[in-house]
Amino acid sequence: MGLNDRDSDVAVVGLGSPIMSDDAVGLRVSQMVEDLHMEGVDCHQEAVGGLDILPVIHGYKLAIIVDAIQTGEYSPGTIMIFSESDFDQKINEASSHDVNLPTAIKIGRQMDPDIMPQRIMYIAIEVEDIKTVSETMTPAVEACVESAKNAVLHLISEFRS
């Protein structure tokens, strides 16, 4: 099976760690979308960053990446939606992971342009605590999971219409 032979056209990729409190929010949102069993939507929960994200999103038309960020500029639980063109200004500094996602995507576009998604969207959720080892999230971040799931569903329907 070639990389472009995916049965689904949409990937929802939740990034994070299930044991670092609010860092699990992307994983939780992706799992909630997965539980809806939507036609043509593959959900992934990944603890990867940087270039390791590329094979996960190759071959889809739309990739929606859901991740925790910690800017300190917004109250915890704030949901922000970025397109690829917004990446440079906003996400470079804010991403809670070592890896720079915008750079990875640029490299992917240069190396494998034909198998990269036509559209990549990024849902970033402002978090409070990503340092405490805990399987529970802070109340403000827990409270935004449903809204973040709805943001994912909105992006999918917008892309398909």
N, C-alpha and C. Protein backbone atom coordinates (compact mmCIF):
# COMPACT_ATOMS: atom_id res chain seq x y z
N MET A 1 0.84 -1.18 0.00
CA MET A 1 0.00 0.00 0.00
C MET A 1 0.89 1.24 0.00
N GLY A 2 0.69 2.11 -0.96
CA GLY A 2 1.47 3.34 -1.04
C GLY A 2 0.99 4.34 -0.01
N LEU A 3 1.79 5.35 0.24
CA LEU A 3 1.44 6.33 1.27
C LEU A 3 0.20 7.14 0.90
N ASN A 4 -0.12 7.22 -0.40
CA ASN A 4 -1.28 7.99 -0.78
C ASN A 4 -2.54 7.16 -0.86
N ASP A 5 -2.46 5.90 -0.47
CA ASP A 5 -3.60 5.01 -0.59
C ASP A 5 -4.40 4.92 0.70
N ARG A 6 -4.42 5.96 1.49
CA ARG A 6 -5.18 5.90 2.73
C ARG A 6 -6.67 5.87 2.41
N ASP A 7 -7.41 5.11 3.20
CA ASP A 7 -8.86 5.04 3.00
C ASP A 7 -9.54 6.32 3.49
N SER A 8 -8.93 6.98 4.42
CA SER A 8 -9.54 8.18 5.00
C SER A 8 -8.86 9.42 4.45
N ASP A 9 -9.61 10.53 4.42
CA ASP A 9 -9.02 11.77 3.91
C ASP A 9 -8.60 12.71 5.03
N VAL A 10 -9.01 12.41 6.27
CA VAL A 10 -8.74 13.31 7.39
C VAL A 10 -8.00 12.56 8.50
N ALA A 11 -6.95 13.21 9.03
CA ALA A 11 -6.26 12.70 10.21
C ALA A 11 -6.44 13.71 11.34
N VAL A 12 -6.82 13.21 12.51
CA VAL A 12 -6.83 14.02 13.72
C VAL A 12 -5.72 13.47 14.60
N VAL A 13 -4.72 14.31 14.87
CA VAL A 13 -3.56 13.85 15.61
C VAL A 13 -3.47 14.60 16.93
N GLY A 14 -3.69 13.87 18.01
CA GLY A 14 -3.54 14.46 19.34
C GLY A 14 -2.12 14.19 19.82
N LEU A 15 -1.43 15.24 20.21
CA LEU A 15 -0.06 15.10 20.69
C LEU A 15 -0.03 15.31 22.20
N GLY A 16 0.90 14.63 22.86
CA GLY A 16 1.06 14.87 24.28
C GLY A 16 1.47 13.65 25.05
N SER A 17 1.41 13.78 26.37
CA SER A 17 1.77 12.70 27.27
C SER A 17 0.60 12.41 28.20
N PRO A 18 0.23 11.13 28.32
CA PRO A 18 -0.92 10.80 29.16
C PRO A 18 -0.65 10.93 30.66
N ILE A 19 0.61 11.12 31.04
CA ILE A 19 0.91 11.14 32.48
C ILE A 19 1.47 12.47 32.96
N MET A 20 1.41 13.50 32.11
CA MET A 20 1.92 14.82 32.53
C MET A 20 0.77 15.83 32.59
N SER A 21 -0.21 15.52 33.42
CA SER A 21 -1.34 16.41 33.67
C SER A 21 -1.92 16.98 32.37
N ASP A 22 -1.91 18.32 32.21
CA ASP A 22 -2.58 18.96 31.08
C ASP A 22 -1.97 18.61 29.72
N ASP A 23 -0.77 18.06 29.70
CA ASP A 23 -0.16 17.70 28.42
C ASP A 23 -0.96 16.61 27.72
N ALA A 24 -1.90 15.98 28.43
CA ALA A 24 -2.72 14.92 27.84
C ALA A 24 -3.88 15.47 27.03
N VAL A 25 -4.10 16.78 27.02
CA VAL A 25 -5.33 17.31 26.44
C VAL A 25 -5.47 16.97 24.96
N GLY A 26 -4.40 17.04 24.19
CA GLY A 26 -4.49 16.69 22.77
C GLY A 26 -4.89 15.24 22.56
N LEU A 27 -4.35 14.37 23.41
CA LEU A 27 -4.68 12.94 23.34
C LEU A 27 -6.16 12.72 23.64
N ARG A 28 -6.66 13.41 24.64
CA ARG A 28 -8.05 13.26 25.05
C ARG A 28 -9.01 13.73 23.95
N VAL A 29 -8.69 14.86 23.34
CA VAL A 29 -9.55 15.40 22.29
C VAL A 29 -9.58 14.43 21.10
N SER A 30 -8.42 13.93 20.70
CA SER A 30 -8.35 12.99 19.59
C SER A 30 -9.14 11.72 19.90
N GLN A 31 -9.04 11.24 21.14
CA GLN A 31 -9.78 10.04 21.55
C GLN A 31 -11.29 10.28 21.49
N MET A 32 -11.73 11.47 21.89
CA MET A 32 -13.17 11.78 21.84
C MET A 32 -13.69 11.79 20.41
N VAL A 33 -12.88 12.32 19.49
CA VAL A 33 -13.28 12.31 18.08
C VAL A 33 -13.30 10.86 17.58
N GLU A 34 -12.30 10.09 17.97
CA GLU A 34 -12.24 8.68 17.55
C GLU A 34 -13.48 7.92 18.00
N ASP A 35 -13.96 8.23 19.21
CA ASP A 35 -15.12 7.54 19.77
C ASP A 35 -16.40 7.80 18.97
N LEU A 36 -16.39 8.80 18.09
CA LEU A 36 -17.56 9.10 17.25
C LEU A 36 -17.60 8.19 16.01
N HIS A 37 -16.52 7.48 15.73
CA HIS A 37 -16.43 6.56 14.58
C HIS A 37 -16.89 7.23 13.29
N MET A 38 -16.29 8.36 12.98
CA MET A 38 -16.67 9.10 11.77
C MET A 38 -16.07 8.48 10.53
N GLU A 39 -16.87 8.43 9.48
CA GLU A 39 -16.43 7.93 8.19
C GLU A 39 -15.29 8.80 7.66
N GLY A 40 -14.20 8.19 7.23
CA GLY A 40 -13.14 8.93 6.57
C GLY A 40 -12.25 9.73 7.50
N VAL A 41 -12.34 9.47 8.80
CA VAL A 41 -11.50 10.20 9.76
C VAL A 41 -10.69 9.18 10.57
N ASP A 42 -9.37 9.31 10.50
CA ASP A 42 -8.48 8.47 11.32
C ASP A 42 -7.97 9.33 12.46
N CYS A 43 -8.01 8.78 13.67
CA CYS A 43 -7.50 9.51 14.83
C CYS A 43 -6.25 8.83 15.36
N HIS A 44 -5.31 9.65 15.74
CA HIS A 44 -4.03 9.15 16.26
C HIS A 44 -3.76 9.86 17.58
N GLN A 45 -3.26 9.12 18.55
CA GLN A 45 -2.78 9.71 19.80
C GLN A 45 -1.28 9.42 19.85
N GLU A 46 -0.50 10.47 19.81
CA GLU A 46 0.94 10.30 19.64
C GLU A 46 1.71 11.07 20.70
N ALA A 47 2.82 10.49 21.11
CA ALA A 47 3.74 11.20 22.01
C ALA A 47 4.99 11.57 21.22
N VAL A 48 4.79 12.00 19.98
CA VAL A 48 5.92 12.32 19.11
C VAL A 48 5.96 13.81 18.86
N GLY A 49 7.07 14.25 18.33
CA GLY A 49 7.16 15.64 17.92
C GLY A 49 8.05 15.73 16.71
N GLY A 50 8.20 16.92 16.23
CA GLY A 50 9.13 17.18 15.14
C GLY A 50 8.89 16.33 13.93
N LEU A 51 9.97 15.83 13.36
CA LEU A 51 9.89 15.09 12.10
C LEU A 51 9.11 13.79 12.26
N ASP A 52 9.00 13.28 13.49
CA ASP A 52 8.26 12.03 13.70
C ASP A 52 6.78 12.18 13.41
N ILE A 53 6.29 13.42 13.32
CA ILE A 53 4.87 13.60 13.01
C ILE A 53 4.60 13.36 11.52
N LEU A 54 5.63 13.51 10.68
CA LEU A 54 5.40 13.47 9.23
C LEU A 54 4.80 12.14 8.75
N PRO A 55 5.35 10.98 9.13
CA PRO A 55 4.74 9.74 8.65
C PRO A 55 3.30 9.56 9.15
N VAL A 56 2.96 10.20 10.26
CA VAL A 56 1.60 10.08 10.80
C VAL A 56 0.60 10.82 9.91
N ILE A 57 1.02 11.94 9.32
CA ILE A 57 0.07 12.75 8.53
C ILE A 57 0.21 12.56 7.02
N HIS A 58 1.25 11.84 6.57
CA HIS A 58 1.41 11.60 5.13
C HIS A 58 0.17 10.95 4.54
N GLY A 59 -0.21 11.39 3.35
CA GLY A 59 -1.26 10.71 2.60
C GLY A 59 -2.67 11.18 2.91
N TYR A 60 -2.84 12.05 3.88
CA TYR A 60 -4.17 12.60 4.16
C TYR A 60 -4.35 13.91 3.42
N LYS A 61 -5.62 14.28 3.18
CA LYS A 61 -5.89 15.59 2.55
C LYS A 61 -5.89 16.69 3.60
N LEU A 62 -6.41 16.36 4.79
CA LEU A 62 -6.46 17.32 5.89
C LEU A 62 -5.88 16.67 7.13
N ALA A 63 -4.97 17.38 7.79
CA ALA A 63 -4.46 16.93 9.08
C ALA A 63 -4.80 18.01 10.10
N ILE A 64 -5.40 17.58 11.22
CA ILE A 64 -5.69 18.50 12.32
C ILE A 64 -4.86 18.03 13.51
N ILE A 65 -3.97 18.89 13.94
CA ILE A 65 -3.07 18.55 15.04
C ILE A 65 -3.57 19.26 16.29
N VAL A 66 -3.78 18.48 17.35
CA VAL A 66 -4.29 19.05 18.60
C VAL A 66 -3.20 18.90 19.66
N ASP A 67 -2.82 20.01 20.28
CA ASP A 67 -1.69 19.97 21.20
C ASP A 67 -1.86 21.01 22.29
N ALA A 68 -1.17 20.77 23.39
CA ALA A 68 -1.11 21.72 24.49
C ALA A 68 -0.05 22.76 24.18
N ILE A 69 -0.34 24.03 24.51
CA ILE A 69 0.72 25.04 24.48
C ILE A 69 0.65 25.81 25.80
N GLN A 70 1.76 26.40 26.13
CA GLN A 70 1.81 27.18 27.36
C GLN A 70 2.49 28.50 27.05
N THR A 71 1.66 29.53 26.80
CA THR A 71 2.21 30.84 26.48
C THR A 71 2.22 31.74 27.71
N GLY A 72 1.30 31.47 28.64
CA GLY A 72 1.13 32.36 29.78
C GLY A 72 0.33 33.59 29.42
N GLU A 73 -0.05 33.73 28.14
CA GLU A 73 -0.78 34.93 27.72
C GLU A 73 -2.29 34.73 27.78
N TYR A 74 -2.73 33.49 27.87
CA TYR A 74 -4.16 33.21 27.83
C TYR A 74 -4.54 32.41 29.07
N SER A 75 -5.82 32.45 29.41
CA SER A 75 -6.20 31.64 30.57
C SER A 75 -6.26 30.18 30.15
N PRO A 76 -5.91 29.28 31.10
CA PRO A 76 -5.93 27.85 30.80
C PRO A 76 -7.29 27.41 30.28
N GLY A 77 -7.26 26.56 29.26
CA GLY A 77 -8.50 26.10 28.64
C GLY A 77 -8.86 26.91 27.40
N THR A 78 -8.10 27.96 27.10
CA THR A 78 -8.35 28.74 25.89
C THR A 78 -7.96 27.91 24.67
N ILE A 79 -8.85 27.87 23.69
CA ILE A 79 -8.62 27.08 22.48
C ILE A 79 -8.31 28.03 21.34
N MET A 80 -7.19 27.79 20.68
CA MET A 80 -6.80 28.62 19.54
C MET A 80 -6.66 27.75 18.31
N ILE A 81 -7.12 28.28 17.17
CA ILE A 81 -7.04 27.53 15.92
C ILE A 81 -6.12 28.28 14.97
N PHE A 82 -5.12 27.58 14.48
CA PHE A 82 -4.17 28.18 13.56
C PHE A 82 -4.15 27.40 12.25
N SER A 83 -3.91 28.12 11.17
CA SER A 83 -3.62 27.45 9.91
C SER A 83 -2.11 27.48 9.72
N GLU A 84 -1.65 26.83 8.69
CA GLU A 84 -0.21 26.76 8.47
C GLU A 84 0.42 28.15 8.35
N SER A 85 -0.32 29.07 7.73
CA SER A 85 0.25 30.41 7.53
C SER A 85 0.40 31.17 8.85
N ASP A 86 -0.34 30.75 9.87
CA ASP A 86 -0.22 31.41 11.18
C ASP A 86 0.94 30.85 11.99
N PHE A 87 1.44 29.67 11.57
CA PHE A 87 2.41 28.95 12.39
C PHE A 87 3.55 29.80 12.87
N ASP A 88 4.20 30.46 11.93
CA ASP A 88 5.47 31.08 12.26
C ASP A 88 5.36 32.04 13.43
N GLN A 89 4.37 32.93 13.36
CA GLN A 89 4.28 33.93 14.42
C GLN A 89 3.93 33.27 15.76
N LYS A 90 2.93 32.42 15.78
CA LYS A 90 2.33 32.02 17.03
C LYS A 90 3.00 30.82 17.71
N ILE A 91 3.21 29.77 16.95
CA ILE A 91 3.49 28.49 17.59
C ILE A 91 4.96 28.27 17.87
N ASN A 92 5.82 28.90 17.09
CA ASN A 92 7.26 28.65 17.26
C ASN A 92 7.69 28.74 18.71
N GLU A 93 7.29 29.80 19.37
CA GLU A 93 7.77 30.03 20.73
C GLU A 93 6.96 29.26 21.75
N ALA A 94 5.69 29.00 21.44
CA ALA A 94 4.76 28.57 22.47
C ALA A 94 4.70 27.06 22.67
N SER A 95 5.08 26.28 21.68
CA SER A 95 4.86 24.85 21.79
C SER A 95 5.57 24.29 23.02
N SER A 96 4.87 23.42 23.72
CA SER A 96 5.42 22.91 24.96
C SER A 96 6.44 21.80 24.70
N HIS A 97 6.54 21.36 23.46
CA HIS A 97 7.45 20.24 23.17
C HIS A 97 8.75 20.75 22.58
N ASP A 98 9.79 19.93 22.73
CA ASP A 98 11.14 20.33 22.33
C ASP A 98 11.16 20.67 20.86
N VAL A 99 10.29 19.98 20.13
CA VAL A 99 10.39 20.05 18.71
C VAL A 99 9.58 21.18 18.16
N ASN A 100 10.08 21.68 17.08
CA ASN A 100 9.41 22.79 16.44
C ASN A 100 8.56 22.24 15.30
N LEU A 101 7.27 22.19 15.55
CA LEU A 101 6.32 21.63 14.59
C LEU A 101 6.31 22.37 13.26
N PRO A 102 6.27 23.71 13.26
CA PRO A 102 6.26 24.41 11.98
C PRO A 102 7.46 24.06 11.10
N THR A 103 8.63 23.93 11.71
CA THR A 103 9.83 23.58 10.95
C THR A 103 9.70 22.19 10.37
N ALA A 104 9.19 21.25 11.16
CA ALA A 104 9.00 19.88 10.67
C ALA A 104 8.08 19.86 9.46
N ILE A 105 7.01 20.64 9.53
CA ILE A 105 6.05 20.66 8.43
C ILE A 105 6.67 21.29 7.19
N LYS A 106 7.45 22.34 7.38
CA LYS A 106 8.15 22.95 6.23
C LYS A 106 9.08 21.95 5.57
N ILE A 107 9.82 21.20 6.39
CA ILE A 107 10.74 20.19 5.86
C ILE A 107 9.95 19.13 5.09
N GLY A 108 8.83 18.71 5.68
CA GLY A 108 7.98 17.72 5.01
C GLY A 108 7.48 18.21 3.66
N ARG A 109 7.10 19.48 3.61
CA ARG A 109 6.62 20.07 2.34
C ARG A 109 7.74 20.10 1.30
N GLN A 110 8.98 20.31 1.76
CA GLN A 110 10.10 20.34 0.82
C GLN A 110 10.49 18.94 0.36
N MET A 111 10.51 17.99 1.31
CA MET A 111 11.01 16.65 0.99
C MET A 111 9.98 15.79 0.27
N ASP A 112 8.75 15.83 0.73
CA ASP A 112 7.70 14.93 0.20
C ASP A 112 6.43 15.70 -0.12
N PRO A 113 6.50 16.71 -0.99
CA PRO A 113 5.33 17.57 -1.18
C PRO A 113 4.08 16.82 -1.63
N ASP A 114 4.26 15.76 -2.41
CA ASP A 114 3.10 15.08 -2.98
C ASP A 114 2.35 14.22 -1.97
N ILE A 115 2.98 13.86 -0.85
CA ILE A 115 2.25 13.03 0.13
C ILE A 115 1.90 13.81 1.40
N MET A 116 2.24 15.10 1.42
CA MET A 116 1.85 15.91 2.57
C MET A 116 0.38 16.32 2.41
N PRO A 117 -0.30 16.52 3.53
CA PRO A 117 -1.71 16.95 3.44
C PRO A 117 -1.84 18.28 2.69
N GLN A 118 -2.98 18.42 1.97
CA GLN A 118 -3.25 19.70 1.30
C GLN A 118 -3.36 20.80 2.37
N ARG A 119 -3.97 20.44 3.47
CA ARG A 119 -4.25 21.43 4.50
C ARG A 119 -3.87 20.86 5.86
N ILE A 120 -3.17 21.67 6.65
CA ILE A 120 -2.83 21.28 8.01
C ILE A 120 -3.34 22.38 8.94
N MET A 121 -4.17 21.98 9.88
CA MET A 121 -4.69 22.92 10.87
C MET A 121 -4.16 22.51 12.24
N TYR A 122 -4.08 23.49 13.12
CA TYR A 122 -3.48 23.26 14.42
C TYR A 122 -4.42 23.82 15.48
N ILE A 123 -4.88 22.96 16.37
CA ILE A 123 -5.68 23.42 17.50
C ILE A 123 -4.79 23.38 18.73
N ALA A 124 -4.53 24.56 19.26
CA ALA A 124 -3.65 24.69 20.42
C ALA A 124 -4.49 25.03 21.64
N ILE A 125 -4.26 24.32 22.72
CA ILE A 125 -5.02 24.55 23.95
C ILE A 125 -4.07 25.05 25.03
N GLU A 126 -4.36 26.24 25.51
CA GLU A 126 -3.54 26.83 26.58
C GLU A 126 -3.71 25.99 27.84
N VAL A 127 -2.59 25.58 28.42
CA VAL A 127 -2.63 24.70 29.59
C VAL A 127 -2.00 25.37 30.79
N GLU A 128 -2.25 24.77 31.94
CA GLU A 128 -1.79 25.32 33.20
C GLU A 128 -0.58 24.55 33.73
N ASP A 129 -0.65 23.21 33.66
CA ASP A 129 0.35 22.39 34.32
C ASP A 129 0.77 21.23 33.42
N ILE A 130 2.01 21.28 32.95
CA ILE A 130 2.54 20.16 32.16
C ILE A 130 3.79 19.60 32.81
N LYS A 131 3.99 19.94 34.07
CA LYS A 131 5.19 19.46 34.77
C LYS A 131 4.87 18.40 35.83
N THR A 132 3.63 18.37 36.29
CA THR A 132 3.26 17.43 37.34
C THR A 132 2.95 16.07 36.72
N VAL A 133 3.53 15.03 37.28
CA VAL A 133 3.19 13.68 36.83
C VAL A 133 1.82 13.34 37.43
N SER A 134 0.83 13.28 36.54
CA SER A 134 -0.54 13.02 36.99
C SER A 134 -1.35 12.58 35.79
N GLU A 135 -2.30 11.68 36.02
CA GLU A 135 -3.18 11.26 34.93
C GLU A 135 -4.45 12.10 34.91
N THR A 136 -4.54 13.12 35.74
CA THR A 136 -5.69 14.02 35.68
C THR A 136 -5.21 15.40 35.25
N MET A 137 -6.09 16.09 34.55
CA MET A 137 -5.78 17.43 34.07
C MET A 137 -6.36 18.45 35.05
N THR A 138 -5.90 19.68 34.96
CA THR A 138 -6.45 20.74 35.81
C THR A 138 -7.89 21.01 35.38
N PRO A 139 -8.73 21.50 36.29
CA PRO A 139 -10.16 21.68 35.99
C PRO A 139 -10.43 22.55 34.76
N ALA A 140 -9.70 23.63 34.58
CA ALA A 140 -9.96 24.53 33.44
C ALA A 140 -9.68 23.82 32.11
N VAL A 141 -8.63 23.02 32.09
CA VAL A 141 -8.29 22.32 30.85
C VAL A 141 -9.25 21.16 30.61
N GLU A 142 -9.58 20.44 31.67
CA GLU A 142 -10.58 19.37 31.58
C GLU A 142 -11.89 19.91 31.00
N ALA A 143 -12.26 21.11 31.44
CA ALA A 143 -13.55 21.70 31.04
C ALA A 143 -13.58 22.10 29.57
N CYS A 144 -12.43 22.23 28.92
CA CYS A 144 -12.42 22.70 27.53
C CYS A 144 -12.38 21.55 26.52
N VAL A 145 -12.28 20.32 26.99
CA VAL A 145 -12.08 19.19 26.06
C VAL A 145 -13.24 19.06 25.08
N GLU A 146 -14.46 19.19 25.56
CA GLU A 146 -15.65 19.08 24.70
C GLU A 146 -15.63 20.18 23.62
N SER A 147 -15.31 21.40 24.02
CA SER A 147 -15.25 22.51 23.05
C SER A 147 -14.16 22.28 22.02
N ALA A 148 -13.02 21.75 22.46
CA ALA A 148 -11.93 21.48 21.53
C ALA A 148 -12.34 20.39 20.54
N LYS A 149 -13.07 19.38 21.03
CA LYS A 149 -13.59 18.34 20.14
C LYS A 149 -14.51 18.97 19.09
N ASN A 150 -15.37 19.88 19.53
CA ASN A 150 -16.28 20.54 18.59
C ASN A 150 -15.52 21.39 17.57
N ALA A 151 -14.41 21.97 17.99
CA ALA A 151 -13.58 22.74 17.05
C ALA A 151 -13.01 21.82 15.97
N VAL A 152 -12.59 20.62 16.36
CA VAL A 152 -12.10 19.63 15.39
C VAL A 152 -13.21 19.29 14.40
N LEU A 153 -14.40 19.00 14.91
CA LEU A 153 -15.53 18.62 14.05
C LEU A 153 -15.87 19.76 13.09
N HIS A 154 -15.79 20.98 13.57
CA HIS A 154 -16.06 22.15 12.72
C HIS A 154 -15.05 22.23 11.58
N LEU A 155 -13.78 22.04 11.89
CA LEU A 155 -12.74 22.09 10.85
C LEU A 155 -12.95 21.00 9.81
N ILE A 156 -13.36 19.81 10.27
CA ILE A 156 -13.59 18.71 9.32
C ILE A 156 -14.75 19.06 8.39
N SER A 157 -15.85 19.55 8.95
CA SER A 157 -17.01 19.83 8.09
C SER A 157 -16.74 21.01 7.16
N GLU A 158 -15.97 21.99 7.64
CA GLU A 158 -15.60 23.12 6.79
C GLU A 158 -14.73 22.65 5.62
N PHE A 159 -13.79 21.75 5.90
CA PHE A 159 -12.90 21.24 4.86
C PHE A 159 -13.70 20.45 3.81
N ARG A 160 -14.69 19.72 4.26
CA ARG A 160 -15.42 18.84 3.36
C ARG A 160 -16.50 19.56 2.57
N SER A 161 -16.89 20.75 2.99
CA SER A 161 -17.99 21.41 2.29
C SER A 161 -17.48 22.27 1.13
